[in-house]
Amino acid sequence: MYFSVLGPLAAWPSAGQPVDGPEAKVRVLLAALLVDAGRTITADRLVDDLWGDRLPGNPAGALQTKISRLPRALAKAEPGAELLVESRPSGYLQRIGPGDPAVHRHDRRRARHR
């Protein structure tokens, strides 16, 4: 599965055309996880990324709902892609291998912009 976060968020399977993304909040969640791929993001930060000052009545429950939709959307695009989102005791992680060339391109671009 390939992702692009520079410009509009885009995702496409290893072999194929870009796929339609899930609902807006799930796309924001995916983008938040991809920006720090390979690092655990706390639930509090994700809640802030998704809702800012306009918190839902039950932020933890609302986040869990969005989190549960993301792997299903990824699996629909490419079987096995649901494993790219990992729950950890301290938050959530978007798994991307260190050998993934897209990760290296992103790291180089980020370093250039600093």
PDB file of N, CA and C in Angstrom:
ATOM      1  N   MET A   1       0.853  -1.168   0.000  1.00  0.00           N
ATOM      2  CA  MET A   1       0.000   0.000   0.000  1.00  0.00           C
ATOM      3  C   MET A   1       0.895   1.226   0.000  1.00  0.00           C
ATOM      4  N   TYR A   2       0.557   2.193  -0.833  1.00  0.00           N
ATOM      5  CA  TYR A   2       1.321   3.430  -0.936  1.00  0.00           C
ATOM      6  C   TYR A   2       0.451   4.594  -0.487  1.00  0.00           C
ATOM      7  N   PHE A   3       1.095   5.584   0.160  1.00  0.00           N
ATOM      8  CA  PHE A   3       0.385   6.758   0.637  1.00  0.00           C
ATOM      9  C   PHE A   3       1.148   8.011   0.222  1.00  0.00           C
ATOM     10  N   SER A   4       0.409   9.068   0.008  1.00  0.00           N
ATOM     11  CA  SER A   4       1.009  10.373  -0.250  1.00  0.00           C
ATOM     12  C   SER A   4       0.335  11.385   0.662  1.00  0.00           C
ATOM     13  N   VAL A   5       1.136  12.122   1.431  1.00  0.00           N
ATOM     14  CA  VAL A   5       0.590  13.153   2.307  1.00  0.00           C
ATOM     15  C   VAL A   5       1.039  14.541   1.884  1.00  0.00           C
ATOM     16  N   LEU A   6       1.864  14.604   0.856  1.00  0.00           N
ATOM     17  CA  LEU A   6       2.275  15.905   0.327  1.00  0.00           C
ATOM     18  C   LEU A   6       1.253  16.297  -0.725  1.00  0.00           C
ATOM     19  N   GLY A   7       0.449  17.309  -0.418  1.00  0.00           N
ATOM     20  CA  GLY A   7      -0.696  17.630  -1.258  1.00  0.00           C
ATOM     21  C   GLY A   7      -1.892  16.887  -0.700  1.00  0.00           C
ATOM     22  N   PRO A   8      -2.893  16.628  -1.510  1.00  0.00           N
ATOM     23  CA  PRO A   8      -4.056  15.885  -1.004  1.00  0.00           C
ATOM     24  C   PRO A   8      -3.663  14.464  -0.594  1.00  0.00           C
ATOM     25  N   LEU A   9      -4.244  13.994   0.491  1.00  0.00           N
ATOM     26  CA  LEU A   9      -3.988  12.635   0.947  1.00  0.00           C
ATOM     27  C   LEU A   9      -4.444  11.657  -0.129  1.00  0.00           C
ATOM     28  N   ALA A  10      -3.570  10.736  -0.472  1.00  0.00           N
ATOM     29  CA  ALA A  10      -3.908   9.721  -1.469  1.00  0.00           C
ATOM     30  C   ALA A  10      -3.373   8.373  -0.999  1.00  0.00           C
ATOM     31  N   ALA A  11      -4.105   7.327  -1.338  1.00  0.00           N
ATOM     32  CA  ALA A  11      -3.687   5.962  -1.024  1.00  0.00           C
ATOM     33  C   ALA A  11      -4.006   5.087  -2.219  1.00  0.00           C
ATOM     34  N   TRP A  12      -3.121   4.156  -2.510  1.00  0.00           N
ATOM     35  CA  TRP A  12      -3.390   3.207  -3.583  1.00  0.00           C
ATOM     36  C   TRP A  12      -2.692   1.897  -3.282  1.00  0.00           C
ATOM     37  N   PRO A  13      -3.319   0.802  -3.732  1.00  0.00           N
ATOM     38  CA  PRO A  13      -2.720  -0.517  -3.499  1.00  0.00           C
ATOM     39  C   PRO A  13      -1.426  -0.676  -4.284  1.00  0.00           C
ATOM     40  N   SER A  14      -0.661  -1.670  -3.913  1.00  0.00           N
ATOM     41  CA  SER A  14       0.632  -1.919  -4.568  1.00  0.00           C
ATOM     42  C   SER A  14       0.500  -2.019  -6.074  1.00  0.00           C
ATOM     43  N   ALA A  15      -0.583  -2.591  -6.541  1.00  0.00           N
ATOM     44  CA  ALA A  15      -0.815  -2.696  -7.979  1.00  0.00           C
ATOM     45  C   ALA A  15      -2.201  -2.130  -8.263  1.00  0.00           C
ATOM     46  N   GLY A  16      -2.239  -0.914  -8.754  1.00  0.00           N
ATOM     47  CA  GLY A  16      -3.551  -0.361  -9.068  1.00  0.00           C
ATOM     48  C   GLY A  16      -3.620   1.141  -9.002  1.00  0.00           C
ATOM     49  N   GLN A  17      -4.820   1.633  -9.138  1.00  0.00           N
ATOM     50  CA  GLN A  17      -5.108   3.057  -9.150  1.00  0.00           C
ATOM     51  C   GLN A  17      -5.400   3.548  -7.734  1.00  0.00           C
ATOM     52  N   PRO A  18      -5.274   4.859  -7.495  1.00  0.00           N
ATOM     53  CA  PRO A  18      -5.629   5.389  -6.171  1.00  0.00           C
ATOM     54  C   PRO A  18      -7.049   4.983  -5.797  1.00  0.00           C
ATOM     55  N   VAL A  19      -7.253   4.768  -4.519  1.00  0.00           N
ATOM     56  CA  VAL A  19      -8.556   4.325  -4.030  1.00  0.00           C
ATOM     57  C   VAL A  19      -9.293   5.492  -3.388  1.00  0.00           C
ATOM     58  N   ASP A  20     -10.620   5.402  -3.408  1.00  0.00           N
ATOM     59  CA  ASP A  20     -11.420   6.391  -2.712  1.00  0.00           C
ATOM     60  C   ASP A  20     -11.176   6.240  -1.222  1.00  0.00           C
ATOM     61  N   GLY A  21     -10.995   7.375  -0.576  1.00  0.00           N
ATOM     62  CA  GLY A  21     -10.731   7.342   0.848  1.00  0.00           C
ATOM     63  C   GLY A  21     -11.997   7.200   1.657  1.00  0.00           C
ATOM     64  N   PRO A  22     -11.827   6.865   2.922  1.00  0.00           N
ATOM     65  CA  PRO A  22     -12.971   6.783   3.823  1.00  0.00           C
ATOM     66  C   PRO A  22     -13.475   8.188   4.169  1.00  0.00           C
ATOM     67  N   GLU A  23     -14.383   8.282   5.096  1.00  0.00           N
ATOM     68  CA  GLU A  23     -14.943   9.567   5.504  1.00  0.00           C
ATOM     69  C   GLU A  23     -13.847  10.539   5.954  1.00  0.00           C
ATOM     70  N   ALA A  24     -14.181  11.806   6.002  1.00  0.00           N
ATOM     71  CA  ALA A  24     -13.210  12.867   6.259  1.00  0.00           C
ATOM     72  C   ALA A  24     -12.405  12.667   7.542  1.00  0.00           C
ATOM     73  N   LYS A  25     -13.047  12.378   8.655  1.00  0.00           N
ATOM     74  CA  LYS A  25     -12.320  12.225   9.925  1.00  0.00           C
ATOM     75  C   LYS A  25     -11.363  11.028   9.878  1.00  0.00           C
ATOM     76  N   VAL A  26     -11.726   9.987   9.183  1.00  0.00           N
ATOM     77  CA  VAL A  26     -10.842   8.823   9.069  1.00  0.00           C
ATOM     78  C   VAL A  26      -9.650   9.179   8.183  1.00  0.00           C
ATOM     79  N   ARG A  27      -9.853  10.006   7.168  1.00  0.00           N
ATOM     80  CA  ARG A  27      -8.724  10.476   6.349  1.00  0.00           C
ATOM     81  C   ARG A  27      -7.793  11.357   7.171  1.00  0.00           C
ATOM     82  N   VAL A  28      -8.357  12.221   8.018  1.00  0.00           N
ATOM     83  CA  VAL A  28      -7.529  13.059   8.894  1.00  0.00           C
ATOM     84  C   VAL A  28      -6.724  12.168   9.835  1.00  0.00           C
ATOM     85  N   LEU A  29      -7.361  11.141  10.370  1.00  0.00           N
ATOM     86  CA  LEU A  29      -6.677  10.194  11.242  1.00  0.00           C
ATOM     87  C   LEU A  29      -5.525   9.517  10.508  1.00  0.00           C
ATOM     88  N   LEU A  30      -5.774   9.041   9.307  1.00  0.00           N
ATOM     89  CA  LEU A  30      -4.725   8.409   8.512  1.00  0.00           C
ATOM     90  C   LEU A  30      -3.579   9.380   8.257  1.00  0.00           C
ATOM     91  N   ALA A  31      -3.897  10.608   7.886  1.00  0.00           N
ATOM     92  CA  ALA A  31      -2.856  11.606   7.634  1.00  0.00           C
ATOM     93  C   ALA A  31      -2.037  11.870   8.897  1.00  0.00           C
ATOM     94  N   ALA A  32      -2.704  11.988  10.042  1.00  0.00           N
ATOM     95  CA  ALA A  32      -1.998  12.225  11.303  1.00  0.00           C
ATOM     96  C   ALA A  32      -1.045  11.074  11.619  1.00  0.00           C
ATOM     97  N   LEU A  33      -1.485   9.855  11.383  1.00  0.00           N
ATOM     98  CA  LEU A  33      -0.623   8.701  11.629  1.00  0.00           C
ATOM     99  C   LEU A  33       0.518   8.624  10.620  1.00  0.00           C
ATOM    100  N   LEU A  34       0.247   8.970   9.376  1.00  0.00           N
ATOM    101  CA  LEU A  34       1.281   8.888   8.343  1.00  0.00           C
ATOM    102  C   LEU A  34       2.378   9.928   8.530  1.00  0.00           C
ATOM    103  N   VAL A  35       2.023  11.103   9.001  1.00  0.00           N
ATOM    104  CA  VAL A  35       3.025  12.155   9.195  1.00  0.00           C
ATOM    105  C   VAL A  35       4.113  11.687  10.152  1.00  0.00           C
ATOM    106  N   ASP A  36       3.727  10.903  11.135  1.00  0.00           N
ATOM    107  CA  ASP A  36       4.697  10.360  12.080  1.00  0.00           C
ATOM    108  C   ASP A  36       4.755   8.839  11.990  1.00  0.00           C
ATOM    109  N   ALA A  37       4.708   8.321  10.785  1.00  0.00           N
ATOM    110  CA  ALA A  37       4.720   6.867  10.573  1.00  0.00           C
ATOM    111  C   ALA A  37       5.911   6.241  11.285  1.00  0.00           C
ATOM    112  N   GLY A  38       5.628   5.123  11.922  1.00  0.00           N
ATOM    113  CA  GLY A  38       6.675   4.407  12.643  1.00  0.00           C
ATOM    114  C   GLY A  38       6.830   4.875  14.075  1.00  0.00           C
ATOM    115  N   ARG A  39       6.095   5.909  14.457  1.00  0.00           N
ATOM    116  CA  ARG A  39       6.147   6.419  15.831  1.00  0.00           C
ATOM    117  C   ARG A  39       4.754   6.312  16.444  1.00  0.00           C
ATOM    118  N   THR A  40       4.703   6.017  17.716  1.00  0.00           N
ATOM    119  CA  THR A  40       3.421   5.928  18.410  1.00  0.00           C
ATOM    120  C   THR A  40       2.880   7.327  18.656  1.00  0.00           C
ATOM    121  N   ILE A  41       1.615   7.533  18.296  1.00  0.00           N
ATOM    122  CA  ILE A  41       0.932   8.812  18.491  1.00  0.00           C
ATOM    123  C   ILE A  41      -0.088   8.609  19.609  1.00  0.00           C
ATOM    124  N   THR A  42      -0.070   9.487  20.602  1.00  0.00           N
ATOM    125  CA  THR A  42      -0.983   9.329  21.732  1.00  0.00           C
ATOM    126  C   THR A  42      -2.422   9.573  21.299  1.00  0.00           C
ATOM    127  N   ALA A  43      -3.333   8.950  22.017  1.00  0.00           N
ATOM    128  CA  ALA A  43      -4.757   9.146  21.757  1.00  0.00           C
ATOM    129  C   ALA A  43      -5.131  10.617  21.948  1.00  0.00           C
ATOM    130  N   ASP A  44      -4.558  11.278  22.953  1.00  0.00           N
ATOM    131  CA  ASP A  44      -4.866  12.694  23.183  1.00  0.00           C
ATOM    132  C   ASP A  44      -4.489  13.554  21.984  1.00  0.00           C
ATOM    133  N   ARG A  45      -3.340  13.276  21.402  1.00  0.00           N
ATOM    134  CA  ARG A  45      -2.927  14.055  20.233  1.00  0.00           C
ATOM    135  C   ARG A  45      -3.849  13.795  19.047  1.00  0.00           C
ATOM    136  N   LEU A  46      -4.239  12.537  18.855  1.00  0.00           N
ATOM    137  CA  LEU A  46      -5.135  12.217  17.746  1.00  0.00           C
ATOM    138  C   LEU A  46      -6.502  12.872  17.938  1.00  0.00           C
ATOM    139  N   VAL A  47      -6.999  12.887  19.169  1.00  0.00           N
ATOM    140  CA  VAL A  47      -8.268  13.566  19.454  1.00  0.00           C
ATOM    141  C   VAL A  47      -8.134  15.041  19.098  1.00  0.00           C
ATOM    142  N   ASP A  48      -7.027  15.650  19.481  1.00  0.00           N
ATOM    143  CA  ASP A  48      -6.794  17.055  19.158  1.00  0.00           C
ATOM    144  C   ASP A  48      -6.704  17.269  17.656  1.00  0.00           C
ATOM    145  N   ASP A  49      -6.011  16.376  16.948  1.00  0.00           N
ATOM    146  CA  ASP A  49      -5.899  16.482  15.493  1.00  0.00           C
ATOM    147  C   ASP A  49      -7.265  16.371  14.811  1.00  0.00           C
ATOM    148  N   LEU A  50      -8.119  15.513  15.328  1.00  0.00           N
ATOM    149  CA  LEU A  50      -9.413  15.276  14.689  1.00  0.00           C
ATOM    150  C   LEU A  50     -10.469  16.312  15.053  1.00  0.00           C
ATOM    151  N   TRP A  51     -10.475  16.763  16.312  1.00  0.00           N
ATOM    152  CA  TRP A  51     -11.576  17.627  16.735  1.00  0.00           C
ATOM    153  C   TRP A  51     -11.149  18.982  17.267  1.00  0.00           C
ATOM    154  N   GLY A  52      -9.876  19.159  17.605  1.00  0.00           N
ATOM    155  CA  GLY A  52      -9.435  20.447  18.131  1.00  0.00           C
ATOM    156  C   GLY A  52     -10.260  20.851  19.348  1.00  0.00           C
ATOM    157  N   ASP A  53     -10.793  22.068  19.319  1.00  0.00           N
ATOM    158  CA  ASP A  53     -11.591  22.590  20.434  1.00  0.00           C
ATOM    159  C   ASP A  53     -13.039  22.122  20.398  1.00  0.00           C
ATOM    160  N   ARG A  54     -13.448  21.453  19.338  1.00  0.00           N
ATOM    161  CA  ARG A  54     -14.842  21.018  19.191  1.00  0.00           C
ATOM    162  C   ARG A  54     -14.969  19.529  19.507  1.00  0.00           C
ATOM    163  N   LEU A  55     -14.671  19.181  20.753  1.00  0.00           N
ATOM    164  CA  LEU A  55     -14.641  17.783  21.170  1.00  0.00           C
ATOM    165  C   LEU A  55     -16.027  17.160  21.161  1.00  0.00           C
ATOM    166  N   PRO A  56     -16.104  15.890  20.761  1.00  0.00           N
ATOM    167  CA  PRO A  56     -17.373  15.165  20.881  1.00  0.00           C
ATOM    168  C   PRO A  56     -17.645  14.880  22.360  1.00  0.00           C
ATOM    169  N   GLY A  57     -18.843  14.427  22.675  1.00  0.00           N
ATOM    170  CA  GLY A  57     -19.210  14.127  24.058  1.00  0.00           C
ATOM    171  C   GLY A  57     -18.309  13.098  24.711  1.00  0.00           C
ATOM    172  N   ASN A  58     -17.896  12.099  23.974  1.00  0.00           N
ATOM    173  CA  ASN A  58     -17.015  11.045  24.480  1.00  0.00           C
ATOM    174  C   ASN A  58     -15.815  10.943  23.538  1.00  0.00           C
ATOM    175  N   PRO A  59     -14.790  11.777  23.740  1.00  0.00           N
ATOM    176  CA  PRO A  59     -13.653  11.791  22.811  1.00  0.00           C
ATOM    177  C   PRO A  59     -12.971  10.440  22.636  1.00  0.00           C
ATOM    178  N   ALA A  60     -12.790   9.704  23.730  1.00  0.00           N
ATOM    179  CA  ALA A  60     -12.110   8.404  23.624  1.00  0.00           C
ATOM    180  C   ALA A  60     -12.942   7.435  22.793  1.00  0.00           C
ATOM    181  N   GLY A  61     -14.241   7.418  23.002  1.00  0.00           N
ATOM    182  CA  GLY A  61     -15.119   6.532  22.235  1.00  0.00           C
ATOM    183  C   GLY A  61     -15.189   6.928  20.771  1.00  0.00           C
ATOM    184  N   ALA A  62     -15.253   8.242  20.519  1.00  0.00           N
ATOM    185  CA  ALA A  62     -15.300   8.725  19.139  1.00  0.00           C
ATOM    186  C   ALA A  62     -14.008   8.381  18.400  1.00  0.00           C
ATOM    187  N   LEU A  63     -12.868   8.531  19.086  1.00  0.00           N
ATOM    188  CA  LEU A  63     -11.592   8.174  18.463  1.00  0.00           C
ATOM    189  C   LEU A  63     -11.556   6.678  18.164  1.00  0.00           C
ATOM    190  N   GLN A  64     -12.013   5.874  19.107  1.00  0.00           N
ATOM    191  CA  GLN A  64     -12.005   4.422  18.897  1.00  0.00           C
ATOM    192  C   GLN A  64     -12.858   4.038  17.691  1.00  0.00           C
ATOM    193  N   THR A  65     -13.972   4.730  17.500  1.00  0.00           N
ATOM    194  CA  THR A  65     -14.818   4.465  16.331  1.00  0.00           C
ATOM    195  C   THR A  65     -14.060   4.758  15.048  1.00  0.00           C
ATOM    196  N   LYS A  66     -13.384   5.892  14.995  1.00  0.00           N
ATOM    197  CA  LYS A  66     -12.619   6.249  13.790  1.00  0.00           C
ATOM    198  C   LYS A  66     -11.461   5.281  13.588  1.00  0.00           C
ATOM    199  N   ILE A  67     -10.781   4.926  14.687  1.00  0.00           N
ATOM    200  CA  ILE A  67      -9.666   3.982  14.597  1.00  0.00           C
ATOM    201  C   ILE A  67     -10.147   2.643  14.043  1.00  0.00           C
ATOM    202  N   SER A  68     -11.316   2.187  14.462  1.00  0.00           N
ATOM    203  CA  SER A  68     -11.807   0.887  13.992  1.00  0.00           C
ATOM    204  C   SER A  68     -12.181   0.923  12.514  1.00  0.00           C
ATOM    205  N   ARG A  69     -12.548   2.081  12.000  1.00  0.00           N
ATOM    206  CA  ARG A  69     -12.909   2.203  10.585  1.00  0.00           C
ATOM    207  C   ARG A  69     -11.694   2.236   9.668  1.00  0.00           C
ATOM    208  N   LEU A  70     -10.580   2.742  10.168  1.00  0.00           N
ATOM    209  CA  LEU A  70      -9.387   2.891   9.326  1.00  0.00           C
ATOM    210  C   LEU A  70      -8.849   1.554   8.821  1.00  0.00           C
ATOM    211  N   PRO A  71      -8.592   0.561   9.666  1.00  0.00           N
ATOM    212  CA  PRO A  71      -8.086  -0.718   9.131  1.00  0.00           C
ATOM    213  C   PRO A  71      -9.045  -1.372   8.144  1.00  0.00           C
ATOM    214  N   ARG A  72     -10.342  -1.247   8.398  1.00  0.00           N
ATOM    215  CA  ARG A  72     -11.316  -1.828   7.464  1.00  0.00           C
ATOM    216  C   ARG A  72     -11.226  -1.150   6.102  1.00  0.00           C
ATOM    217  N   ALA A  73     -11.077   0.171   6.103  1.00  0.00           N
ATOM    218  CA  ALA A  73     -10.959   0.896   4.830  1.00  0.00           C
ATOM    219  C   ALA A  73      -9.678   0.490   4.099  1.00  0.00           C
ATOM    220  N   LEU A  74      -8.581   0.343   4.842  1.00  0.00           N
ATOM    221  CA  LEU A  74      -7.318  -0.063   4.212  1.00  0.00           C
ATOM    222  C   LEU A  74      -7.425  -1.482   3.657  1.00  0.00           C
ATOM    223  N   ALA A  75      -8.048  -2.377   4.413  1.00  0.00           N
ATOM    224  CA  ALA A  75      -8.191  -3.765   3.958  1.00  0.00           C
ATOM    225  C   ALA A  75      -9.065  -3.862   2.720  1.00  0.00           C
ATOM    226  N   LYS A  76     -10.052  -2.988   2.626  1.00  0.00           N
ATOM    227  CA  LYS A  76     -10.918  -2.982   1.443  1.00  0.00           C
ATOM    228  C   LYS A  76     -10.111  -2.607   0.199  1.00  0.00           C
ATOM    229  N   ALA A  77      -9.142  -1.714   0.379  1.00  0.00           N
ATOM    230  CA  ALA A  77      -8.302  -1.282  -0.744  1.00  0.00           C
ATOM    231  C   ALA A  77      -7.269  -2.345  -1.104  1.00  0.00           C
ATOM    232  N   GLU A  78      -6.713  -2.991  -0.078  1.00  0.00           N
ATOM    233  CA  GLU A  78      -5.680  -4.011  -0.316  1.00  0.00           C
ATOM    234  C   GLU A  78      -5.679  -4.992   0.851  1.00  0.00           C
ATOM    235  N   PRO A  79      -6.003  -6.254   0.601  1.00  0.00           N
ATOM    236  CA  PRO A  79      -5.998  -7.240   1.682  1.00  0.00           C
ATOM    237  C   PRO A  79      -4.657  -7.258   2.411  1.00  0.00           C
ATOM    238  N   GLY A  80      -4.721  -7.273   3.715  1.00  0.00           N
ATOM    239  CA  GLY A  80      -3.518  -7.263   4.547  1.00  0.00           C
ATOM    240  C   GLY A  80      -3.131  -5.877   5.014  1.00  0.00           C
ATOM    241  N   ALA A  81      -3.632  -4.828   4.360  1.00  0.00           N
ATOM    242  CA  ALA A  81      -3.255  -3.455   4.716  1.00  0.00           C
ATOM    243  C   ALA A  81      -3.798  -3.041   6.079  1.00  0.00           C
ATOM    244  N   GLU A  82      -4.787  -3.771   6.580  1.00  0.00           N
ATOM    245  CA  GLU A  82      -5.322  -3.458   7.911  1.00  0.00           C
ATOM    246  C   GLU A  82      -4.255  -3.618   8.997  1.00  0.00           C
ATOM    247  N   LEU A  83      -3.226  -4.389   8.702  1.00  0.00           N
ATOM    248  CA  LEU A  83      -2.152  -4.612   9.665  1.00  0.00           C
ATOM    249  C   LEU A  83      -1.210  -3.414   9.781  1.00  0.00           C
ATOM    250  N   LEU A  84      -1.386  -2.421   8.919  1.00  0.00           N
ATOM    251  CA  LEU A  84      -0.535  -1.236   8.962  1.00  0.00           C
ATOM    252  C   LEU A  84      -0.857  -0.308  10.130  1.00  0.00           C
ATOM    253  N   VAL A  85      -2.043  -0.464  10.718  1.00  0.00           N
ATOM    254  CA  VAL A  85      -2.437   0.348  11.876  1.00  0.00           C
ATOM    255  C   VAL A  85      -2.357  -0.534  13.107  1.00  0.00           C
ATOM    256  N   GLU A  86      -1.576  -0.092  14.072  1.00  0.00           N
ATOM    257  CA  GLU A  86      -1.330  -0.905  15.251  1.00  0.00           C
ATOM    258  C   GLU A  86      -1.721  -0.141  16.514  1.00  0.00           C
ATOM    259  N   SER A  87      -2.444  -0.805  17.390  1.00  0.00           N
ATOM    260  CA  SER A  87      -2.804  -0.237  18.682  1.00  0.00           C
ATOM    261  C   SER A  87      -1.693  -0.567  19.669  1.00  0.00           C
ATOM    262  N   ARG A  88      -1.298   0.423  20.432  1.00  0.00           N
ATOM    263  CA  ARG A  88      -0.273   0.244  21.461  1.00  0.00           C
ATOM    264  C   ARG A  88      -0.827   0.774  22.776  1.00  0.00           C
ATOM    265  N   PRO A  89      -0.265   0.357  23.902  1.00  0.00           N
ATOM    266  CA  PRO A  89      -0.776   0.863  25.183  1.00  0.00           C
ATOM    267  C   PRO A  89      -0.735   2.387  25.283  1.00  0.00           C
ATOM    268  N   SER A  90       0.241   3.011  24.657  1.00  0.00           N
ATOM    269  CA  SER A  90       0.372   4.461  24.766  1.00  0.00           C
ATOM    270  C   SER A  90      -0.254   5.220  23.594  1.00  0.00           C
ATOM    271  N   GLY A  91      -0.848   4.526  22.634  1.00  0.00           N
ATOM    272  CA  GLY A  91      -1.463   5.214  21.502  1.00  0.00           C
ATOM    273  C   GLY A  91      -1.585   4.322  20.289  1.00  0.00           C
ATOM    274  N   TYR A  92      -1.368   4.909  19.113  1.00  0.00           N
ATOM    275  CA  TYR A  92      -1.529   4.184  17.844  1.00  0.00           C
ATOM    276  C   TYR A  92      -0.336   4.460  16.954  1.00  0.00           C
ATOM    277  N   LEU A  93      -0.090   3.508  16.052  1.00  0.00           N
ATOM    278  CA  LEU A  93       1.088   3.559  15.196  1.00  0.00           C
ATOM    279  C   LEU A  93       0.703   3.175  13.783  1.00  0.00           C
ATOM    280  N   GLN A  94       1.207   3.918  12.808  1.00  0.00           N
ATOM    281  CA  GLN A  94       1.090   3.548  11.400  1.00  0.00           C
ATOM    282  C   GLN A  94       2.380   2.831  11.051  1.00  0.00           C
ATOM    283  N   ARG A  95       2.282   1.540  10.781  1.00  0.00           N
ATOM    284  CA  ARG A  95       3.465   0.745  10.480  1.00  0.00           C
ATOM    285  C   ARG A  95       3.886   0.960   9.041  1.00  0.00           C
ATOM    286  N   ILE A  96       5.137   1.320   8.877  1.00  0.00           N
ATOM    287  CA  ILE A  96       5.752   1.409   7.559  1.00  0.00           C
ATOM    288  C   ILE A  96       7.182   0.951   7.750  1.00  0.00           C
ATOM    289  N   GLY A  97       7.613   0.065   6.887  1.00  0.00           N
ATOM    290  CA  GLY A  97       8.949  -0.500   7.030  1.00  0.00           C
ATOM    291  C   GLY A  97      10.042   0.514   6.787  1.00  0.00           C
ATOM    292  N   PRO A  98      11.155   0.397   7.497  1.00  0.00           N
ATOM    293  CA  PRO A  98      12.263   1.334   7.318  1.00  0.00           C
ATOM    294  C   PRO A  98      12.872   1.272   5.922  1.00  0.00           C
ATOM    295  N   GLY A  99      12.675   0.183   5.205  1.00  0.00           N
ATOM    296  CA  GLY A  99      13.206   0.068   3.856  1.00  0.00           C
ATOM    297  C   GLY A  99      12.290   0.635   2.794  1.00  0.00           C
ATOM    298  N   ASP A 100      11.135   1.118   3.188  1.00  0.00           N
ATOM    299  CA  ASP A 100      10.162   1.655   2.237  1.00  0.00           C
ATOM    300  C   ASP A 100      10.722   2.933   1.607  1.00  0.00           C
ATOM    301  N   PRO A 101      10.887   2.976   0.299  1.00  0.00           N
ATOM    302  CA  PRO A 101      11.475   4.152  -0.337  1.00  0.00           C
ATOM    303  C   PRO A 101      10.651   5.409  -0.113  1.00  0.00           C
ATOM    304  N   ALA A 102       9.350   5.282   0.047  1.00  0.00           N
ATOM    305  CA  ALA A 102       8.518   6.466   0.280  1.00  0.00           C
ATOM    306  C   ALA A 102       8.872   7.128   1.604  1.00  0.00           C
ATOM    307  N   VAL A 103       9.224   6.312   2.598  1.00  0.00           N
ATOM    308  CA  VAL A 103       9.622   6.864   3.889  1.00  0.00           C
ATOM    309  C   VAL A 103      10.892   7.672   3.728  1.00  0.00           C
ATOM    310  N   HIS A 104      11.832   7.135   2.970  1.00  0.00           N
ATOM    311  CA  HIS A 104      13.088   7.840   2.770  1.00  0.00           C
ATOM    312  C   HIS A 104      12.884   9.142   1.997  1.00  0.00           C
ATOM    313  N   ARG A 105      12.018   9.134   0.984  1.00  0.00           N
ATOM    314  CA  ARG A 105      11.734  10.373   0.245  1.00  0.00           C
ATOM    315  C   ARG A 105      11.144  11.417   1.175  1.00  0.00           C
ATOM    316  N   HIS A 106      10.215  10.988   2.033  1.00  0.00           N
ATOM    317  CA  HIS A 106       9.588  11.915   2.969  1.00  0.00           C
ATOM    318  C   HIS A 106      10.627  12.470   3.934  1.00  0.00           C
ATOM    319  N   ASP A 107      11.494  11.605   4.485  1.00  0.00           N
ATOM    320  CA  ASP A 107      12.515  12.063   5.421  1.00  0.00           C
ATOM    321  C   ASP A 107      13.471  13.048   4.769  1.00  0.00           C
ATOM    322  N   ARG A 108      13.848  12.788   3.512  1.00  0.00           N
ATOM    323  CA  ARG A 108      14.748  13.714   2.815  1.00  0.00           C
ATOM    324  C   ARG A 108      14.068  15.054   2.585  1.00  0.00           C
ATOM    325  N   ARG A 109      12.801  15.044   2.176  1.00  0.00           N
ATOM    326  CA  ARG A 109      12.075  16.292   1.948  1.00  0.00           C
ATOM    327  C   ARG A 109      11.936  17.079   3.251  1.00  0.00           C
ATOM    328  N   ARG A 110      11.616  16.373   4.325  1.00  0.00           N
ATOM    329  CA  ARG A 110      11.453  17.034   5.616  1.00  0.00           C
ATOM    330  C   ARG A 110      12.773  17.657   6.054  1.00  0.00           C
ATOM    331  N   ALA A 111      13.885  16.947   5.849  1.00  0.00           N
ATOM    332  CA  ALA A 111      15.198  17.477   6.209  1.00  0.00           C
ATOM    333  C   ALA A 111      15.551  18.705   5.381  1.00  0.00           C
ATOM    334  N   ARG A 112      15.200  18.699   4.087  1.00  0.00           N
ATOM    335  CA  ARG A 112      15.483  19.847   3.224  1.00  0.00           C
ATOM    336  C   ARG A 112      14.714  21.089   3.665  1.00  0.00           C
ATOM    337  N   HIS A 113      13.495  20.894   4.147  1.00  0.00           N
ATOM    338  CA  HIS A 113      12.657  22.016   4.524  1.00  0.00           C
ATOM    339  C   HIS A 113      13.028  22.596   5.882  1.00  0.00           C
ATOM    340  N   ARG A 114      13.812  21.873   6.635  1.00  0.00           N
ATOM    341  CA  ARG A 114      14.282  22.393   7.937  1.00  0.00           C
ATOM    342  C   ARG A 114      15.369  23.344   7.650  1.00  0.00           C
TER     343      ARG A 114
END
